[in-house]
Amino acid sequence: QVRLVESGGALVQPGGSLRLSCTGSGFIFDWYAITWFRQAPGKEREGVSCISRDGRTTTWYADSVKGRITISRDPAKQTVYLQMNSLKPEDTAVYYCAADYRPTARDCRSESAVMGYWGVGTPVTVSS
């Protein structure tokens, strides 16, 4: 059974930090690039960050989070992390991770339509 499970979402004050995790099972995790998306209330889902399947060749960050967020992956744990610092109220959203089948490529993509597997999301609320 294929699963992607996000965790780490919480209520945090502005300026605070969170680390989100995305753990995969039931598929060959190393063949997939991983992308984080978020969807704020009343807004469309948007790509936040992605990382290539090897964890080294390609990372990408949306302009809105660049400099505040770092993506990484631990192959042994089949987990991708999203370290978020200097959080702002506008970061409030449900955060989803998605797996993109890229067995021979070393890039990552931010288009939701190409994602193969999705998690159910973890909520992040930034508020004082």
Foldseek 3Di string as FASTA:
>chain_A
DWAWAKDWADEAAAQAKIKMKIAIDDDQLLQWKKWKWWDDVPGDIWTAKIFFSVQPDEIDGDPVQPPFWDWGDDNVRRMIMIIGGRDDQVVWTWMKMFIARHRPDGYDDTDPVRTDDIHPTDTHGYHD
